N, C-alpha and C. Protein backbone atom coordinates (compact mmCIF):
# COMPACT_ATOMS: atom_id res chain seq x y z
N UNK A 1 -8.11 -23.29 -18.63
CA UNK A 1 -8.27 -21.85 -18.49
C UNK A 1 -8.77 -21.26 -19.80
N UNK A 2 -9.74 -20.37 -19.72
CA UNK A 2 -10.29 -19.76 -20.91
C UNK A 2 -9.35 -18.68 -21.44
N UNK A 3 -9.32 -18.50 -22.72
CA UNK A 3 -8.51 -17.44 -23.33
C UNK A 3 -9.11 -16.09 -22.96
N UNK A 4 -8.27 -15.03 -22.83
CA UNK A 4 -8.78 -13.70 -22.45
C UNK A 4 -9.86 -13.17 -23.38
N UNK A 5 -9.72 -13.43 -24.69
CA UNK A 5 -10.72 -12.92 -25.64
C UNK A 5 -12.05 -13.59 -25.40
N UNK A 6 -12.05 -14.90 -25.20
CA UNK A 6 -13.28 -15.63 -24.92
C UNK A 6 -13.89 -15.14 -23.61
N UNK A 7 -13.07 -14.94 -22.60
CA UNK A 7 -13.55 -14.44 -21.31
C UNK A 7 -14.20 -13.07 -21.49
N UNK A 8 -13.59 -12.21 -22.27
CA UNK A 8 -14.12 -10.87 -22.49
C UNK A 8 -15.45 -10.88 -23.21
N UNK A 9 -15.62 -11.82 -24.13
CA UNK A 9 -16.87 -11.90 -24.87
C UNK A 9 -18.02 -12.33 -23.97
N UNK A 10 -17.76 -13.29 -23.10
CA UNK A 10 -18.81 -13.83 -22.25
C UNK A 10 -19.00 -13.02 -20.97
N UNK A 11 -17.91 -12.49 -20.42
CA UNK A 11 -17.98 -11.77 -19.15
C UNK A 11 -17.15 -10.49 -19.25
N UNK A 12 -17.64 -9.49 -20.00
CA UNK A 12 -16.83 -8.28 -20.23
C UNK A 12 -16.46 -7.54 -18.94
N UNK A 13 -17.26 -7.64 -17.91
CA UNK A 13 -16.96 -6.93 -16.67
C UNK A 13 -15.74 -7.50 -15.95
N UNK A 14 -15.30 -8.71 -16.33
CA UNK A 14 -14.16 -9.34 -15.67
C UNK A 14 -12.84 -9.03 -16.36
N UNK A 15 -12.88 -8.35 -17.48
CA UNK A 15 -11.64 -8.00 -18.17
C UNK A 15 -11.09 -6.71 -17.59
N UNK A 16 -9.84 -6.74 -17.19
CA UNK A 16 -9.16 -5.55 -16.69
C UNK A 16 -8.03 -5.21 -17.63
N UNK A 17 -7.43 -4.03 -17.44
CA UNK A 17 -6.35 -3.62 -18.31
C UNK A 17 -5.18 -4.59 -18.29
N UNK A 18 -4.93 -5.22 -17.14
CA UNK A 18 -3.79 -6.11 -17.03
C UNK A 18 -4.03 -7.48 -17.63
N UNK A 19 -5.25 -7.77 -18.06
CA UNK A 19 -5.58 -9.11 -18.53
C UNK A 19 -5.05 -9.41 -19.92
N UNK A 20 -4.87 -8.40 -20.73
CA UNK A 20 -4.43 -8.60 -22.11
C UNK A 20 -3.24 -7.69 -22.35
N UNK A 21 -2.11 -8.27 -22.70
CA UNK A 21 -0.89 -7.49 -22.88
C UNK A 21 -1.06 -6.41 -23.95
N UNK A 22 -1.86 -6.64 -24.96
CA UNK A 22 -2.05 -5.68 -26.04
C UNK A 22 -2.71 -4.38 -25.61
N UNK A 23 -3.25 -4.32 -24.42
CA UNK A 23 -3.92 -3.10 -23.96
C UNK A 23 -2.95 -2.12 -23.31
N UNK A 24 -1.64 -2.43 -23.32
CA UNK A 24 -0.65 -1.55 -22.71
C UNK A 24 -0.68 -0.16 -23.35
N UNK A 25 -0.77 -0.10 -24.68
CA UNK A 25 -0.84 1.20 -25.37
C UNK A 25 -2.11 1.95 -25.01
N UNK A 26 -3.22 1.23 -24.89
CA UNK A 26 -4.47 1.86 -24.50
C UNK A 26 -4.37 2.44 -23.09
N UNK A 27 -3.75 1.71 -22.18
CA UNK A 27 -3.56 2.22 -20.81
C UNK A 27 -2.78 3.52 -20.84
N UNK A 28 -1.69 3.55 -21.59
CA UNK A 28 -0.85 4.74 -21.67
C UNK A 28 -1.64 5.91 -22.25
N UNK A 29 -2.42 5.66 -23.29
CA UNK A 29 -3.21 6.72 -23.93
C UNK A 29 -4.24 7.28 -22.97
N UNK A 30 -4.94 6.41 -22.27
CA UNK A 30 -5.96 6.86 -21.32
C UNK A 30 -5.32 7.71 -20.23
N UNK A 31 -4.18 7.22 -19.69
CA UNK A 31 -3.49 7.98 -18.66
C UNK A 31 -3.11 9.36 -19.14
N UNK A 32 -2.56 9.42 -20.34
CA UNK A 32 -2.12 10.72 -20.86
C UNK A 32 -3.30 11.65 -21.15
N UNK A 33 -4.41 11.10 -21.62
CA UNK A 33 -5.56 11.95 -21.91
C UNK A 33 -6.20 12.48 -20.64
N UNK A 34 -6.13 11.72 -19.57
CA UNK A 34 -6.70 12.18 -18.30
C UNK A 34 -5.78 13.19 -17.64
N UNK A 35 -4.48 12.92 -17.70
CA UNK A 35 -3.53 13.78 -17.00
C UNK A 35 -3.08 14.97 -17.85
N UNK A 36 -3.08 14.83 -19.14
CA UNK A 36 -2.56 15.87 -20.04
C UNK A 36 -3.10 17.27 -19.78
N UNK A 37 -4.39 17.45 -19.53
CA UNK A 37 -4.88 18.82 -19.27
C UNK A 37 -4.20 19.49 -18.09
N UNK A 38 -3.78 18.72 -17.11
CA UNK A 38 -3.11 19.29 -15.95
C UNK A 38 -1.68 19.71 -16.27
N UNK A 39 -1.15 19.23 -17.38
CA UNK A 39 0.25 19.49 -17.71
C UNK A 39 0.43 20.70 -18.61
N UNK A 40 -0.63 21.21 -19.20
CA UNK A 40 -0.52 22.34 -20.12
C UNK A 40 -0.15 23.61 -19.38
N UNK A 41 0.86 24.33 -19.88
CA UNK A 41 1.29 25.56 -19.20
C UNK A 41 0.16 26.57 -19.06
N UNK A 42 0.04 27.11 -17.88
CA UNK A 42 -0.93 28.18 -17.65
C UNK A 42 -2.34 27.74 -17.36
N UNK A 43 -2.75 26.58 -17.85
CA UNK A 43 -4.13 26.15 -17.69
C UNK A 43 -4.50 25.99 -16.22
N UNK A 44 -3.64 25.36 -15.47
CA UNK A 44 -3.87 25.18 -14.04
C UNK A 44 -2.70 25.78 -13.26
N UNK A 45 -2.27 26.97 -13.64
CA UNK A 45 -1.06 27.59 -13.09
C UNK A 45 -1.13 27.78 -11.58
N UNK A 46 -2.31 28.00 -11.03
CA UNK A 46 -2.42 28.25 -9.59
C UNK A 46 -2.46 26.97 -8.76
N UNK A 47 -2.48 25.85 -9.41
CA UNK A 47 -2.57 24.58 -8.70
C UNK A 47 -1.23 23.88 -8.66
N UNK A 48 -0.94 23.25 -7.54
CA UNK A 48 0.24 22.37 -7.46
C UNK A 48 -0.19 21.00 -7.95
N UNK A 49 0.64 20.41 -8.73
CA UNK A 49 0.33 19.08 -9.26
C UNK A 49 0.98 18.03 -8.38
N UNK A 50 0.19 17.08 -7.93
CA UNK A 50 0.70 15.97 -7.15
C UNK A 50 0.01 14.70 -7.65
N UNK A 51 0.74 13.65 -7.59
CA UNK A 51 0.19 12.35 -7.97
C UNK A 51 0.81 11.30 -7.07
N UNK A 52 0.14 10.20 -6.92
CA UNK A 52 0.68 9.10 -6.11
C UNK A 52 0.47 7.80 -6.86
N UNK A 53 1.43 6.92 -6.69
CA UNK A 53 1.32 5.61 -7.29
C UNK A 53 2.09 4.61 -6.45
N UNK A 54 1.63 3.38 -6.46
CA UNK A 54 2.37 2.30 -5.82
C UNK A 54 3.36 1.67 -6.78
N UNK A 55 3.31 2.08 -8.05
CA UNK A 55 4.20 1.50 -9.05
C UNK A 55 4.88 2.59 -9.86
N UNK A 56 5.83 3.32 -9.26
CA UNK A 56 6.48 4.41 -9.98
C UNK A 56 7.26 3.94 -11.20
N UNK A 57 7.67 2.68 -11.22
CA UNK A 57 8.42 2.15 -12.36
C UNK A 57 7.55 2.00 -13.60
N UNK A 58 6.22 2.06 -13.44
CA UNK A 58 5.31 1.97 -14.58
C UNK A 58 4.92 3.33 -15.15
N UNK A 59 5.35 4.40 -14.51
CA UNK A 59 5.01 5.74 -14.98
C UNK A 59 5.92 6.08 -16.15
N UNK A 60 5.33 6.56 -17.23
CA UNK A 60 6.07 6.94 -18.42
C UNK A 60 7.13 7.97 -18.06
N UNK A 61 8.38 7.77 -18.48
CA UNK A 61 9.44 8.73 -18.16
C UNK A 61 9.12 10.16 -18.58
N UNK A 62 8.34 10.32 -19.63
CA UNK A 62 7.94 11.66 -20.07
C UNK A 62 7.11 12.40 -19.03
N UNK A 63 6.40 11.63 -18.22
CA UNK A 63 5.59 12.25 -17.17
C UNK A 63 6.46 12.72 -16.00
N UNK A 64 7.68 12.21 -15.90
CA UNK A 64 8.56 12.54 -14.78
C UNK A 64 9.50 13.70 -15.08
N UNK A 65 9.36 14.31 -16.26
CA UNK A 65 10.25 15.42 -16.61
C UNK A 65 9.94 16.65 -15.76
N UNK A 66 10.94 17.52 -15.55
CA UNK A 66 10.70 18.77 -14.82
C UNK A 66 9.56 19.56 -15.46
N UNK A 67 8.73 20.15 -14.63
CA UNK A 67 7.56 20.89 -15.12
C UNK A 67 6.31 20.04 -15.17
N UNK A 68 6.47 18.76 -15.10
CA UNK A 68 5.32 17.86 -15.03
C UNK A 68 5.29 17.28 -13.63
N UNK A 69 5.67 16.03 -13.51
CA UNK A 69 5.81 15.41 -12.18
C UNK A 69 7.29 15.08 -12.01
N UNK A 70 8.10 16.12 -11.91
CA UNK A 70 9.55 15.98 -11.94
C UNK A 70 10.20 15.51 -10.65
N UNK A 71 9.47 15.45 -9.60
CA UNK A 71 10.05 15.06 -8.31
C UNK A 71 9.36 13.81 -7.80
N UNK A 72 10.17 12.88 -7.34
CA UNK A 72 9.63 11.63 -6.81
C UNK A 72 9.97 11.54 -5.33
N UNK A 73 8.97 11.23 -4.51
CA UNK A 73 9.14 11.15 -3.06
C UNK A 73 8.75 9.75 -2.61
N UNK A 74 9.65 9.10 -1.89
CA UNK A 74 9.37 7.77 -1.34
C UNK A 74 8.75 7.95 0.05
N UNK A 75 7.59 7.38 0.25
CA UNK A 75 6.94 7.40 1.56
C UNK A 75 7.02 5.99 2.12
N UNK A 76 7.93 5.78 3.08
CA UNK A 76 8.12 4.43 3.61
C UNK A 76 6.95 4.02 4.51
N UNK A 77 6.89 2.74 4.85
CA UNK A 77 5.90 2.31 5.83
C UNK A 77 6.14 3.05 7.15
N UNK A 78 5.11 3.21 7.97
CA UNK A 78 5.27 3.93 9.24
C UNK A 78 6.32 3.28 10.14
N UNK A 79 7.07 4.14 10.85
CA UNK A 79 8.05 3.61 11.80
C UNK A 79 7.31 3.10 13.05
N UNK A 80 8.08 2.58 14.00
CA UNK A 80 7.47 1.95 15.18
C UNK A 80 6.59 2.91 15.97
N UNK A 81 7.06 4.15 16.18
CA UNK A 81 6.27 5.13 16.94
C UNK A 81 4.96 5.45 16.20
N UNK A 82 5.04 5.58 14.89
CA UNK A 82 3.83 5.87 14.11
C UNK A 82 2.87 4.70 14.14
N UNK A 83 3.40 3.47 14.08
CA UNK A 83 2.52 2.28 14.14
C UNK A 83 1.81 2.21 15.49
N UNK A 84 2.52 2.52 16.58
CA UNK A 84 1.90 2.53 17.91
C UNK A 84 0.78 3.56 17.96
N UNK A 85 1.01 4.71 17.34
CA UNK A 85 -0.02 5.76 17.32
C UNK A 85 -1.21 5.32 16.46
N UNK A 86 -0.94 4.65 15.36
CA UNK A 86 -2.03 4.16 14.50
C UNK A 86 -2.88 3.15 15.27
N UNK A 87 -2.25 2.29 16.05
CA UNK A 87 -2.99 1.33 16.87
C UNK A 87 -3.95 2.08 17.80
N UNK A 88 -3.42 3.11 18.46
CA UNK A 88 -4.26 3.91 19.36
C UNK A 88 -5.43 4.54 18.61
N UNK A 89 -5.15 5.10 17.44
CA UNK A 89 -6.21 5.74 16.65
C UNK A 89 -7.27 4.73 16.22
N UNK A 90 -6.85 3.57 15.79
CA UNK A 90 -7.79 2.55 15.30
C UNK A 90 -8.63 1.95 16.43
N UNK A 91 -8.15 2.09 17.68
CA UNK A 91 -8.91 1.56 18.81
C UNK A 91 -9.84 2.60 19.44
N UNK A 92 -9.80 3.84 18.94
CA UNK A 92 -10.71 4.86 19.49
C UNK A 92 -12.15 4.43 19.27
N UNK A 93 -12.92 4.50 20.32
CA UNK A 93 -14.33 4.13 20.24
C UNK A 93 -14.58 2.63 20.26
N UNK A 94 -13.52 1.84 20.38
CA UNK A 94 -13.63 0.39 20.43
C UNK A 94 -13.32 -0.06 21.87
N UNK A 95 -14.19 -0.83 22.48
CA UNK A 95 -13.91 -1.29 23.85
C UNK A 95 -12.59 -2.09 23.89
N UNK A 96 -11.65 -1.64 24.71
CA UNK A 96 -10.38 -2.33 24.85
C UNK A 96 -9.79 -2.05 26.23
N UNK A 97 -8.89 -2.94 26.64
CA UNK A 97 -8.23 -2.74 27.93
C UNK A 97 -6.85 -3.38 27.89
N UNK A 98 -5.91 -2.76 28.60
CA UNK A 98 -4.57 -3.31 28.73
C UNK A 98 -3.79 -3.40 27.44
N UNK A 99 -3.99 -2.46 26.55
CA UNK A 99 -3.30 -2.50 25.26
C UNK A 99 -2.01 -1.70 25.34
N UNK A 100 -0.92 -2.32 24.93
CA UNK A 100 0.37 -1.66 24.82
C UNK A 100 0.67 -1.51 23.33
N UNK A 101 0.35 -0.32 22.81
CA UNK A 101 0.55 -0.06 21.39
C UNK A 101 1.98 -0.24 20.94
N UNK A 102 2.94 0.02 21.84
CA UNK A 102 4.35 -0.13 21.48
C UNK A 102 4.71 -1.60 21.22
N UNK A 103 4.14 -2.49 22.01
CA UNK A 103 4.42 -3.92 21.79
C UNK A 103 3.79 -4.39 20.47
N UNK A 104 2.57 -3.93 20.20
CA UNK A 104 1.93 -4.27 18.92
C UNK A 104 2.77 -3.72 17.77
N UNK A 105 3.22 -2.48 17.91
CA UNK A 105 4.04 -1.85 16.86
C UNK A 105 5.34 -2.63 16.64
N UNK A 106 5.94 -3.12 17.70
CA UNK A 106 7.18 -3.88 17.58
C UNK A 106 6.97 -5.18 16.80
N UNK A 107 5.76 -5.69 16.83
CA UNK A 107 5.46 -6.96 16.15
C UNK A 107 4.85 -6.76 14.76
N UNK A 108 4.76 -5.52 14.33
CA UNK A 108 4.14 -5.22 13.03
C UNK A 108 5.12 -4.46 12.13
N UNK A 109 6.35 -4.90 12.11
CA UNK A 109 7.39 -4.26 11.31
C UNK A 109 6.98 -4.24 9.83
N UNK A 110 7.15 -3.12 9.18
CA UNK A 110 6.83 -2.89 7.77
C UNK A 110 5.33 -2.84 7.48
N UNK A 111 4.47 -2.89 8.50
CA UNK A 111 3.03 -2.82 8.27
C UNK A 111 2.65 -1.40 7.87
N UNK A 112 1.71 -1.30 6.96
CA UNK A 112 1.14 0.00 6.58
C UNK A 112 0.01 0.33 7.56
N UNK A 113 -0.52 1.53 7.46
CA UNK A 113 -1.67 1.90 8.28
C UNK A 113 -2.86 0.98 8.02
N UNK A 114 -3.05 0.63 6.75
CA UNK A 114 -4.16 -0.27 6.39
C UNK A 114 -3.93 -1.67 6.97
N UNK A 115 -2.68 -2.11 6.97
CA UNK A 115 -2.37 -3.42 7.57
C UNK A 115 -2.72 -3.42 9.06
N UNK A 116 -2.37 -2.33 9.74
CA UNK A 116 -2.65 -2.24 11.18
C UNK A 116 -4.16 -2.19 11.42
N UNK A 117 -4.86 -1.50 10.55
CA UNK A 117 -6.32 -1.51 10.66
C UNK A 117 -6.85 -2.93 10.51
N UNK A 118 -6.26 -3.69 9.60
CA UNK A 118 -6.65 -5.10 9.43
C UNK A 118 -6.38 -5.92 10.67
N UNK A 119 -5.27 -5.63 11.35
CA UNK A 119 -4.95 -6.33 12.61
C UNK A 119 -6.02 -6.05 13.65
N UNK A 120 -6.41 -4.78 13.77
CA UNK A 120 -7.45 -4.41 14.74
C UNK A 120 -8.77 -5.08 14.39
N UNK A 121 -9.12 -5.11 13.11
CA UNK A 121 -10.36 -5.76 12.69
C UNK A 121 -10.33 -7.26 12.99
N UNK A 122 -9.18 -7.89 12.78
CA UNK A 122 -9.06 -9.31 13.08
C UNK A 122 -9.17 -9.55 14.59
N UNK A 123 -8.59 -8.67 15.38
CA UNK A 123 -8.72 -8.78 16.84
C UNK A 123 -10.19 -8.65 17.25
N UNK A 124 -10.93 -7.78 16.61
CA UNK A 124 -12.38 -7.67 16.88
C UNK A 124 -13.08 -8.98 16.56
N UNK A 125 -12.66 -9.62 15.46
CA UNK A 125 -13.25 -10.92 15.10
C UNK A 125 -12.98 -11.97 16.18
N UNK A 126 -11.77 -11.95 16.74
CA UNK A 126 -11.45 -12.89 17.81
C UNK A 126 -12.35 -12.68 19.02
N UNK A 127 -12.60 -11.41 19.36
CA UNK A 127 -13.48 -11.10 20.49
C UNK A 127 -14.90 -11.56 20.18
N UNK A 128 -15.36 -11.31 18.96
CA UNK A 128 -16.71 -11.74 18.55
C UNK A 128 -16.82 -13.27 18.58
N UNK A 129 -15.78 -13.94 18.11
CA UNK A 129 -15.77 -15.41 18.14
C UNK A 129 -15.88 -15.92 19.58
N UNK A 130 -15.17 -15.27 20.49
CA UNK A 130 -15.28 -15.62 21.91
C UNK A 130 -16.70 -15.44 22.41
N UNK A 131 -17.30 -14.34 22.00
CA UNK A 131 -18.68 -14.05 22.43
C UNK A 131 -19.65 -15.10 21.91
N UNK A 132 -19.48 -15.49 20.66
CA UNK A 132 -20.40 -16.45 20.05
C UNK A 132 -20.20 -17.88 20.55
N UNK A 133 -18.96 -18.26 20.79
CA UNK A 133 -18.70 -19.65 21.18
C UNK A 133 -18.77 -19.86 22.69
N UNK A 134 -18.34 -18.86 23.46
CA UNK A 134 -18.30 -19.04 24.92
C UNK A 134 -19.25 -18.11 25.65
N UNK A 135 -19.99 -17.32 24.88
CA UNK A 135 -20.94 -16.35 25.45
C UNK A 135 -20.27 -15.44 26.48
N UNK A 136 -19.06 -15.00 26.13
CA UNK A 136 -18.30 -14.09 26.99
C UNK A 136 -18.23 -12.74 26.29
N UNK A 137 -18.70 -11.73 26.98
CA UNK A 137 -18.62 -10.38 26.43
C UNK A 137 -17.43 -9.69 27.08
N UNK A 138 -16.49 -9.25 26.24
CA UNK A 138 -15.28 -8.64 26.76
C UNK A 138 -14.70 -7.66 25.75
N UNK A 139 -13.83 -6.78 26.21
CA UNK A 139 -13.18 -5.85 25.28
C UNK A 139 -11.98 -6.52 24.59
N UNK A 140 -11.44 -5.84 23.60
CA UNK A 140 -10.20 -6.32 22.97
C UNK A 140 -9.08 -6.20 23.99
N UNK A 141 -8.23 -7.23 24.02
CA UNK A 141 -7.09 -7.24 24.94
C UNK A 141 -5.81 -7.45 24.14
N UNK A 142 -4.71 -7.25 24.81
CA UNK A 142 -3.40 -7.37 24.18
C UNK A 142 -3.20 -8.69 23.44
N UNK A 143 -3.54 -9.83 24.05
CA UNK A 143 -3.35 -11.11 23.33
C UNK A 143 -4.12 -11.18 22.01
N UNK A 144 -5.29 -10.53 21.95
CA UNK A 144 -6.06 -10.52 20.70
C UNK A 144 -5.27 -9.81 19.60
N UNK A 145 -4.72 -8.65 19.94
CA UNK A 145 -3.96 -7.89 18.94
C UNK A 145 -2.67 -8.61 18.54
N UNK A 146 -1.99 -9.21 19.50
CA UNK A 146 -0.75 -9.91 19.18
C UNK A 146 -1.02 -11.14 18.31
N UNK A 147 -2.11 -11.85 18.60
CA UNK A 147 -2.50 -13.01 17.78
C UNK A 147 -2.84 -12.56 16.36
N UNK A 148 -3.57 -11.45 16.26
CA UNK A 148 -3.94 -10.92 14.94
C UNK A 148 -2.69 -10.47 14.18
N UNK A 149 -1.75 -9.85 14.87
CA UNK A 149 -0.51 -9.40 14.22
C UNK A 149 0.28 -10.61 13.70
N UNK A 150 0.31 -11.68 14.48
CA UNK A 150 1.00 -12.90 14.07
C UNK A 150 0.36 -13.51 12.82
N UNK A 151 -0.95 -13.40 12.72
CA UNK A 151 -1.69 -14.01 11.61
C UNK A 151 -1.69 -13.15 10.35
N UNK A 152 -1.09 -11.98 10.42
CA UNK A 152 -1.13 -11.02 9.31
C UNK A 152 0.28 -10.76 8.79
N UNK A 153 0.41 -10.67 7.48
CA UNK A 153 1.70 -10.32 6.87
C UNK A 153 1.60 -8.90 6.31
N UNK A 154 2.67 -8.16 6.43
CA UNK A 154 2.70 -6.79 5.91
C UNK A 154 2.52 -6.81 4.40
N UNK A 155 1.54 -6.08 3.91
CA UNK A 155 1.30 -6.02 2.47
C UNK A 155 2.38 -5.21 1.76
N UNK A 156 3.13 -4.42 2.51
CA UNK A 156 4.19 -3.62 1.89
C UNK A 156 5.37 -4.49 1.44
N UNK A 157 5.49 -5.70 1.96
CA UNK A 157 6.65 -6.53 1.64
C UNK A 157 6.74 -6.88 0.16
N UNK A 158 5.60 -7.16 -0.48
CA UNK A 158 5.63 -7.43 -1.93
C UNK A 158 6.18 -6.24 -2.70
N UNK A 159 5.70 -5.05 -2.34
CA UNK A 159 6.17 -3.83 -3.01
C UNK A 159 7.67 -3.64 -2.75
N UNK A 160 8.08 -3.84 -1.51
CA UNK A 160 9.50 -3.65 -1.17
C UNK A 160 10.38 -4.66 -1.90
N UNK A 161 9.89 -5.88 -2.11
CA UNK A 161 10.66 -6.88 -2.87
C UNK A 161 10.80 -6.45 -4.32
N UNK A 162 9.73 -5.94 -4.91
CA UNK A 162 9.79 -5.45 -6.28
C UNK A 162 10.76 -4.28 -6.38
N UNK A 163 10.66 -3.35 -5.44
CA UNK A 163 11.57 -2.20 -5.43
C UNK A 163 13.01 -2.65 -5.25
N UNK A 164 13.22 -3.65 -4.39
CA UNK A 164 14.57 -4.18 -4.18
C UNK A 164 15.14 -4.72 -5.48
N UNK A 165 14.34 -5.47 -6.21
CA UNK A 165 14.81 -6.02 -7.49
C UNK A 165 15.09 -4.90 -8.48
N UNK A 166 14.26 -3.89 -8.48
CA UNK A 166 14.48 -2.75 -9.37
C UNK A 166 15.80 -2.06 -9.03
N UNK A 167 16.02 -1.80 -7.77
CA UNK A 167 17.26 -1.14 -7.34
C UNK A 167 18.46 -2.02 -7.65
N UNK A 168 18.32 -3.31 -7.43
CA UNK A 168 19.44 -4.24 -7.57
C UNK A 168 19.79 -4.53 -9.03
N UNK A 169 18.78 -4.78 -9.87
CA UNK A 169 19.04 -5.29 -11.21
C UNK A 169 18.72 -4.35 -12.36
N UNK A 170 17.84 -3.42 -12.17
CA UNK A 170 17.39 -2.61 -13.30
C UNK A 170 18.25 -1.38 -13.57
N UNK A 171 19.28 -1.18 -12.77
CA UNK A 171 20.13 -0.02 -12.98
C UNK A 171 19.35 1.27 -12.81
N UNK A 172 18.49 1.30 -11.82
CA UNK A 172 17.63 2.46 -11.59
C UNK A 172 18.48 3.70 -11.33
N UNK A 173 17.95 4.83 -11.74
CA UNK A 173 18.66 6.09 -11.54
C UNK A 173 18.51 6.57 -10.09
N UNK A 174 18.93 7.79 -9.82
CA UNK A 174 18.90 8.33 -8.47
C UNK A 174 17.49 8.49 -7.90
N UNK A 175 16.46 8.34 -8.72
CA UNK A 175 15.10 8.53 -8.21
C UNK A 175 14.70 7.46 -7.20
N UNK A 176 15.45 6.38 -7.13
CA UNK A 176 15.15 5.31 -6.17
C UNK A 176 16.16 5.27 -5.02
N UNK A 177 16.96 6.33 -4.87
CA UNK A 177 17.98 6.40 -3.82
C UNK A 177 17.35 6.26 -2.43
N UNK A 178 16.23 6.93 -2.18
CA UNK A 178 15.55 6.84 -0.87
C UNK A 178 15.05 5.43 -0.59
N UNK A 179 14.55 4.77 -1.63
CA UNK A 179 14.07 3.40 -1.48
C UNK A 179 15.25 2.49 -1.14
N UNK A 180 16.35 2.67 -1.85
CA UNK A 180 17.54 1.86 -1.60
C UNK A 180 18.04 2.06 -0.17
N UNK A 181 18.06 3.29 0.30
CA UNK A 181 18.50 3.57 1.68
C UNK A 181 17.59 2.87 2.69
N UNK A 182 16.27 2.91 2.46
CA UNK A 182 15.34 2.23 3.35
C UNK A 182 15.60 0.73 3.36
N UNK A 183 15.78 0.16 2.17
CA UNK A 183 16.02 -1.28 2.07
C UNK A 183 17.30 -1.69 2.79
N UNK A 184 18.33 -0.87 2.66
CA UNK A 184 19.61 -1.17 3.33
C UNK A 184 19.45 -1.03 4.85
N UNK A 185 18.79 0.04 5.28
CA UNK A 185 18.59 0.28 6.71
C UNK A 185 17.86 -0.88 7.38
N UNK A 186 16.90 -1.47 6.66
CA UNK A 186 16.09 -2.54 7.23
C UNK A 186 16.55 -3.93 6.77
N UNK A 187 17.77 -3.96 6.18
CA UNK A 187 18.40 -5.22 5.77
C UNK A 187 17.50 -6.05 4.83
N UNK A 188 16.91 -5.35 3.89
CA UNK A 188 16.06 -6.02 2.90
C UNK A 188 16.78 -6.16 1.56
N UNK A 189 18.01 -5.65 1.48
CA UNK A 189 18.82 -5.76 0.26
C UNK A 189 19.90 -6.78 0.51
């Protein structure tokens, strides 16, 4: 394996902030310089400040103080009813028949909206494969979606495992109470 410095010299476009531990201070500085203007009193007084991140544990505690981004909201993966609705939305304009969105939703526990979109795209691939190999033109059917759901893992699980470890071992404050409740409710703790 090549050293990060050597890699950066030969292929600078492949170096990311996470590639070299020494760039942690630079990341923090860039973040603060981009966000800092929004934090100055009065400058953007008529605007509500909102931010989103998949890694709240990496946000500088100074950014979480009241008056800045003082409130943290956990948005869990969609529940079963929402997943069924997402299936319906993702199939709009796509030839399909005999789809039970509730059954697909039941098999996609912890899936995000993007994960469900991936399931629908994979089901389309199965239909296309059928067309190319057997010269059968047909719409997406329930077995296609169920097969695609089986072949796909929820991408939220990695995040939930990290959050679980944070709640369990890092002595996290009350800002992760909603995450902990979700983990307990779904027996992930």
